[in-house]
């Protein structure tokens, strides 16, 4: 999950098309901080751990945990989207047919918890459907979790990247043939899985290391914190994260959120 969190932090100053569409920017700008992307990533990770593979309690746990985190932890930067805020405040929260990119940005924990690609994609659907039950919302979560699973289990050589890209393009119907230079020309802020997930995946496939992946995806413009959370989650699984970036990224989180992150790391390693 740390790769997604660092991507969120690094991308946060540039969302709403406020960047220069360049890879040359301060990695941790003065006004960088975590947003709702980080909070919901950690909430979902905690719910996945607590569910422990039990589908009968998963939906209830995910709903309850995301609502608890949203109520308990103030956001230092930004806020929740309008429809998600209504869902949070509802007495009986129900899925609302969303295909927003929130299902993809919060799913990184799922990519680490399961032993097969099929199970990973199944639980990605579960993680999305409590809010994002539109087919595109589910697909975005599945594609992101699948990319993380493939990167962590098979690595990121030139050969495996080509195979993984082909799988994701065929499985989910995304156009992953464009370079970042081609995407950058028209890419803009739009909070949908259909736009964000292919762009984030393409940036990862073109990247050479964790930092380069973040710089590439943020240089595209658009919903930079969310798209960098998606790319960062995959890149962390593929390349690992350099220690200085880990230290800096962790420094933005308060102790109680760090505790969730550390619990997840121990859970995965157990």
Protein backbone atom coordinates (compact mmCIF):
# COMPACT_ATOMS: atom_id res chain seq x y z
CA UNK A 1 0.00 0.00 0.00
CA UNK A 2 2.92 2.36 0.58
CA UNK A 3 3.50 2.77 -3.15
CA UNK A 4 -0.06 4.00 -3.58
CA UNK A 5 0.26 6.34 -0.60
CA UNK A 6 3.50 7.86 -1.85
CA UNK A 7 1.98 8.28 -5.31
CA UNK A 8 -0.97 10.09 -3.76
CA UNK A 9 1.30 12.42 -1.79
CA UNK A 10 3.64 13.18 -4.69
CA UNK A 11 0.76 13.76 -7.12
CA UNK A 12 -1.40 15.84 -4.79
CA UNK A 13 -0.12 19.34 -5.74
CA UNK A 14 -0.71 18.79 -9.45
CA UNK A 15 -4.28 17.48 -9.74
CA UNK A 16 -6.96 19.49 -11.55
CA UNK A 17 -4.41 20.03 -14.34
CA UNK A 18 -2.17 22.25 -12.20
CA UNK A 19 1.09 20.65 -13.34
CA UNK A 20 3.33 21.53 -16.27
CA UNK A 21 3.13 18.12 -17.99
CA UNK A 22 6.83 17.61 -17.38
CA UNK A 23 8.77 14.93 -15.52
CA UNK A 24 10.88 17.69 -13.95
CA UNK A 25 9.19 18.65 -10.69
CA UNK A 26 10.04 18.40 -6.98
CA UNK A 27 9.23 14.84 -5.96
CA UNK A 28 7.84 16.05 -2.64
CA UNK A 29 6.64 19.59 -3.24
CA UNK A 30 6.14 22.00 -0.34
CA UNK A 31 2.35 21.66 -0.52
CA UNK A 32 2.28 17.88 -0.97
CA UNK A 33 0.27 15.80 1.49
CA UNK A 34 -1.91 12.73 1.60
CA UNK A 35 -5.53 12.91 0.48
CA UNK A 36 -8.66 10.78 0.58
CA UNK A 37 -6.83 8.32 -1.68
CA UNK A 38 -4.45 7.40 1.13
CA UNK A 39 -7.16 7.28 3.77
CA UNK A 40 -9.38 4.94 1.75
CA UNK A 41 -6.41 2.79 0.72
CA UNK A 42 -5.61 2.21 4.39
CA UNK A 43 -9.26 1.71 5.32
CA UNK A 44 -9.72 -0.93 2.65
CA UNK A 45 -6.47 -2.62 3.63
CA UNK A 46 -7.66 -2.88 7.23
CA UNK A 47 -11.03 -4.26 6.12
CA UNK A 48 -9.34 -6.86 3.91
CA UNK A 49 -7.18 -8.00 6.80
CA UNK A 50 -10.15 -8.18 9.15
CA UNK A 51 -12.25 -10.09 6.60
CA UNK A 52 -9.47 -12.71 6.35
CA UNK A 53 -10.94 -14.17 3.18
CA UNK A 54 -14.51 -14.50 4.51
CA UNK A 55 -16.85 -13.21 1.80
CA UNK A 56 -19.87 -13.36 4.09
CA UNK A 57 -18.59 -10.45 6.19
CA UNK A 58 -16.47 -8.58 3.62
CA UNK A 59 -19.03 -6.09 2.31
CA UNK A 60 -20.12 -5.07 5.79
CA UNK A 61 -16.53 -4.70 6.98
CA UNK A 62 -15.51 -2.60 3.97
CA UNK A 63 -18.47 -0.25 4.36
CA UNK A 64 -18.03 0.12 8.10
CA UNK A 65 -14.26 0.61 7.98
CA UNK A 66 -14.31 3.22 5.22
CA UNK A 67 -17.01 5.15 7.04
CA UNK A 68 -15.11 4.93 10.33
CA UNK A 69 -11.86 6.15 8.78
CA UNK A 70 -13.62 9.02 7.02
CA UNK A 71 -15.19 10.12 10.32
CA UNK A 72 -12.11 9.58 12.49
CA UNK A 73 -9.26 11.06 10.47
CA UNK A 74 -9.32 14.66 9.19
CA UNK A 75 -7.83 15.10 5.75
CA UNK A 76 -4.94 17.57 5.54
CA UNK A 77 -5.42 18.04 1.80
CA UNK A 78 -8.58 17.92 -0.33
CA UNK A 79 -11.71 16.02 0.55
CA UNK A 80 -14.03 13.30 -0.64
CA UNK A 81 -15.99 13.43 -3.87
CA UNK A 82 -19.59 14.57 -3.76
CA UNK A 83 -21.30 11.23 -4.41
CA UNK A 84 -18.95 9.41 -2.06
CA UNK A 85 -19.65 12.00 0.63
CA UNK A 86 -23.37 11.34 0.25
CA UNK A 87 -22.64 7.62 0.58
CA UNK A 88 -20.62 8.25 3.74
CA UNK A 89 -23.46 10.25 5.31
CA UNK A 90 -26.24 7.89 4.28
CA UNK A 91 -28.07 5.93 6.99
CA UNK A 92 -28.11 2.88 4.74
CA UNK A 93 -25.24 3.23 2.26
CA UNK A 94 -25.78 1.39 -1.00
CA UNK A 95 -23.72 1.07 -4.20
CA UNK A 96 -24.38 3.98 -6.51
CA UNK A 97 -23.28 2.72 -9.91
CA UNK A 98 -20.01 4.64 -9.93
CA UNK A 99 -17.27 4.14 -12.51
CA UNK A 100 -15.06 6.72 -10.81
CA UNK A 101 -11.38 5.98 -10.36
CA UNK A 102 -11.75 5.65 -6.58
CA UNK A 103 -12.25 1.90 -6.89
CA UNK A 104 -8.82 1.60 -8.53
CA UNK A 105 -6.90 3.98 -6.29
CA UNK A 106 -7.91 2.24 -3.04
CA UNK A 107 -7.41 -1.41 -4.15
CA UNK A 108 -3.65 -1.88 -3.73
CA UNK A 109 -3.92 -4.12 -0.65
CA UNK A 110 -5.85 -6.69 -2.68
CA UNK A 111 -2.90 -7.11 -5.03
CA UNK A 112 -0.76 -8.39 -2.13
CA UNK A 113 -3.11 -10.63 -0.18
CA UNK A 114 -3.99 -13.58 -2.42
CA UNK A 115 -2.13 -16.45 -4.02
CA UNK A 116 -3.71 -16.55 -7.48
CA UNK A 117 -4.62 -14.03 -10.13
CA UNK A 118 -8.19 -15.32 -10.23
CA UNK A 119 -8.65 -14.84 -6.48
CA UNK A 120 -7.05 -11.40 -6.66
CA UNK A 121 -9.47 -10.25 -9.35
CA UNK A 122 -12.41 -11.73 -7.45
CA UNK A 123 -11.55 -9.82 -4.27
CA UNK A 124 -10.91 -6.65 -6.25
CA UNK A 125 -14.51 -6.89 -7.41
CA UNK A 126 -15.66 -7.31 -3.81
CA UNK A 127 -13.62 -4.29 -2.77
CA UNK A 128 -15.22 -2.11 -5.44
CA UNK A 129 -18.84 -3.19 -5.44
CA UNK A 130 -19.93 -1.55 -2.18
CA UNK A 131 -19.75 1.79 -4.01
CA UNK A 132 -18.47 1.30 -7.56
CA UNK A 133 -20.75 -1.44 -8.85
CA UNK A 134 -20.73 -0.17 -12.44
CA UNK A 135 -18.86 -2.66 -14.68
CA UNK A 136 -16.19 -0.05 -15.46
CA UNK A 137 -15.69 0.70 -11.77
CA UNK A 138 -15.21 -2.98 -11.02
CA UNK A 139 -12.95 -3.43 -14.04
CA UNK A 140 -10.70 -0.58 -12.94
CA UNK A 141 -10.18 -2.16 -9.52
CA UNK A 142 -9.58 -5.59 -11.01
CA UNK A 143 -7.06 -4.34 -13.56
CA UNK A 144 -5.08 -2.45 -10.93
CA UNK A 145 -5.03 -5.35 -8.48
CA UNK A 146 -4.11 -7.77 -11.27
CA UNK A 147 -1.21 -5.58 -12.36
CA UNK A 148 0.09 -5.46 -8.78
CA UNK A 149 -0.23 -9.24 -8.41
CA UNK A 150 1.57 -9.89 -11.70
CA UNK A 151 4.37 -7.43 -10.89
CA UNK A 152 5.01 -8.85 -7.44
CA UNK A 153 4.85 -12.51 -8.48
CA UNK A 154 6.53 -12.40 -11.91
CA UNK A 155 8.70 -9.29 -11.82
CA UNK A 156 9.16 -6.46 -14.28
CA UNK A 157 11.56 -7.60 -16.97
CA UNK A 158 10.97 -6.42 -20.52
CA UNK A 159 9.51 -9.82 -21.36
CA UNK A 160 7.12 -10.00 -18.41
CA UNK A 161 5.98 -6.41 -18.90
CA UNK A 162 4.99 -7.18 -22.49
CA UNK A 163 3.09 -10.27 -21.37
CA UNK A 164 1.37 -8.44 -18.52
CA UNK A 165 0.42 -5.52 -20.74
CA UNK A 166 -1.07 -7.88 -23.30
CA UNK A 167 -3.02 -9.72 -20.63
CA UNK A 168 -4.49 -6.54 -19.14
CA UNK A 169 -5.34 -5.09 -22.55
CA UNK A 170 -7.14 -8.25 -23.63
CA UNK A 171 -8.76 -9.04 -20.28
CA UNK A 172 -10.11 -5.56 -19.61
CA UNK A 173 -10.35 -4.01 -23.05
CA UNK A 174 -7.97 -1.13 -22.34
CA UNK A 175 -5.86 0.50 -25.04
CA UNK A 176 -2.35 0.14 -23.63
CA UNK A 177 -0.56 0.66 -26.93
CA UNK A 178 0.03 4.40 -26.56
CA UNK A 179 3.24 5.92 -25.22
CA UNK A 180 3.22 8.53 -22.47
CA UNK A 181 4.13 11.14 -25.07
CA UNK A 182 1.00 10.25 -27.02
CA UNK A 183 -1.25 10.18 -23.95
CA UNK A 184 0.09 13.45 -22.57
CA UNK A 185 -1.18 15.54 -25.50
CA UNK A 186 -4.86 15.22 -24.61
CA UNK A 187 -4.91 13.79 -21.11
CA UNK A 188 -6.93 15.93 -18.70
CA UNK A 189 -8.58 15.83 -15.30
CA UNK A 190 -11.46 13.38 -15.38
CA UNK A 191 -12.16 11.06 -12.48
CA UNK A 192 -13.18 7.88 -14.32
CA UNK A 193 -11.64 4.44 -14.43
CA UNK A 194 -11.93 4.49 -18.22
CA UNK A 195 -9.50 7.42 -18.49
CA UNK A 196 -7.32 7.04 -15.41
CA UNK A 197 -6.56 3.32 -15.29
CA UNK A 198 -5.18 2.90 -18.84
CA UNK A 199 -3.06 6.04 -18.41
CA UNK A 200 -1.69 4.86 -15.07
CA UNK A 201 -0.95 1.39 -16.43
CA UNK A 202 0.78 2.81 -19.50
CA UNK A 203 3.03 4.98 -17.32
CA UNK A 204 4.04 1.92 -15.31
CA UNK A 205 4.80 -0.16 -18.40
CA UNK A 206 7.02 2.62 -19.80
CA UNK A 207 8.84 3.21 -16.51
CA UNK A 208 12.27 2.05 -15.43
CA UNK A 209 12.03 2.37 -11.63
CA UNK A 210 9.68 3.57 -8.90
CA UNK A 211 10.53 7.26 -9.05
CA UNK A 212 10.49 7.30 -12.84
CA UNK A 213 7.03 5.70 -12.81
CA UNK A 214 5.67 8.49 -10.61
CA UNK A 215 7.28 11.18 -12.70
CA UNK A 216 5.87 9.72 -15.90
CA UNK A 217 2.30 9.37 -14.67
CA UNK A 218 2.22 12.83 -13.07
CA UNK A 219 3.66 14.34 -16.25
CA UNK A 220 0.54 13.19 -18.08
CA UNK A 221 -1.58 15.69 -16.14
CA UNK A 222 -5.14 14.91 -15.16
CA UNK A 223 -6.15 13.43 -11.81
CA UNK A 224 -2.54 13.21 -10.75
CA UNK A 225 -2.86 12.07 -7.14
CA UNK A 226 -5.19 9.19 -7.97
CA UNK A 227 -3.36 8.13 -11.12
CA UNK A 228 -0.03 8.28 -9.28
CA UNK A 229 -1.55 6.17 -6.49
CA UNK A 230 -2.46 3.52 -9.08
CA UNK A 231 0.92 3.63 -10.83
CA UNK A 232 2.81 3.85 -7.55
CA UNK A 233 1.12 0.75 -6.19
CA UNK A 234 2.14 -1.28 -9.24
CA UNK A 235 5.65 0.18 -9.44
CA UNK A 236 6.28 -0.60 -5.77
CA UNK A 237 5.41 -4.23 -6.40
CA UNK A 238 7.60 -4.32 -9.50
CA UNK A 239 10.70 -2.42 -8.40
CA UNK A 240 10.45 -1.82 -4.68
CA UNK A 241 10.73 1.69 -3.24
CA UNK A 242 14.07 3.39 -2.50
CA UNK A 243 14.65 3.79 1.21
CA UNK A 244 14.88 7.63 1.20
CA UNK A 245 11.49 7.80 -0.55
CA UNK A 246 10.02 5.36 1.98
CA UNK A 247 11.25 7.50 4.87
CA UNK A 248 9.93 10.70 3.34
CA UNK A 249 6.58 9.18 2.38
CA UNK A 250 6.01 7.73 5.84
CA UNK A 251 6.77 11.09 7.44
CA UNK A 252 3.47 12.51 6.17
CA UNK A 253 1.33 9.99 8.03
CA UNK A 254 0.24 10.37 11.66
CA UNK A 255 1.09 7.51 14.04
CA UNK A 256 -2.34 5.86 13.95
CA UNK A 257 -2.31 5.60 10.14
CA UNK A 258 1.28 4.38 10.19
CA UNK A 259 0.12 1.66 12.57
CA UNK A 260 -2.37 0.41 9.96
CA UNK A 261 0.33 0.43 7.29
CA UNK A 262 2.76 -1.46 9.53
CA UNK A 263 0.10 -3.97 10.51
CA UNK A 264 -0.52 -4.65 6.83
CA UNK A 265 3.20 -5.14 6.12
CA UNK A 266 3.42 -7.68 8.94
CA UNK A 267 0.20 -9.38 7.79
CA UNK A 268 1.57 -9.85 4.27
CA UNK A 269 4.92 -11.14 5.52
CA UNK A 270 3.41 -13.61 8.00
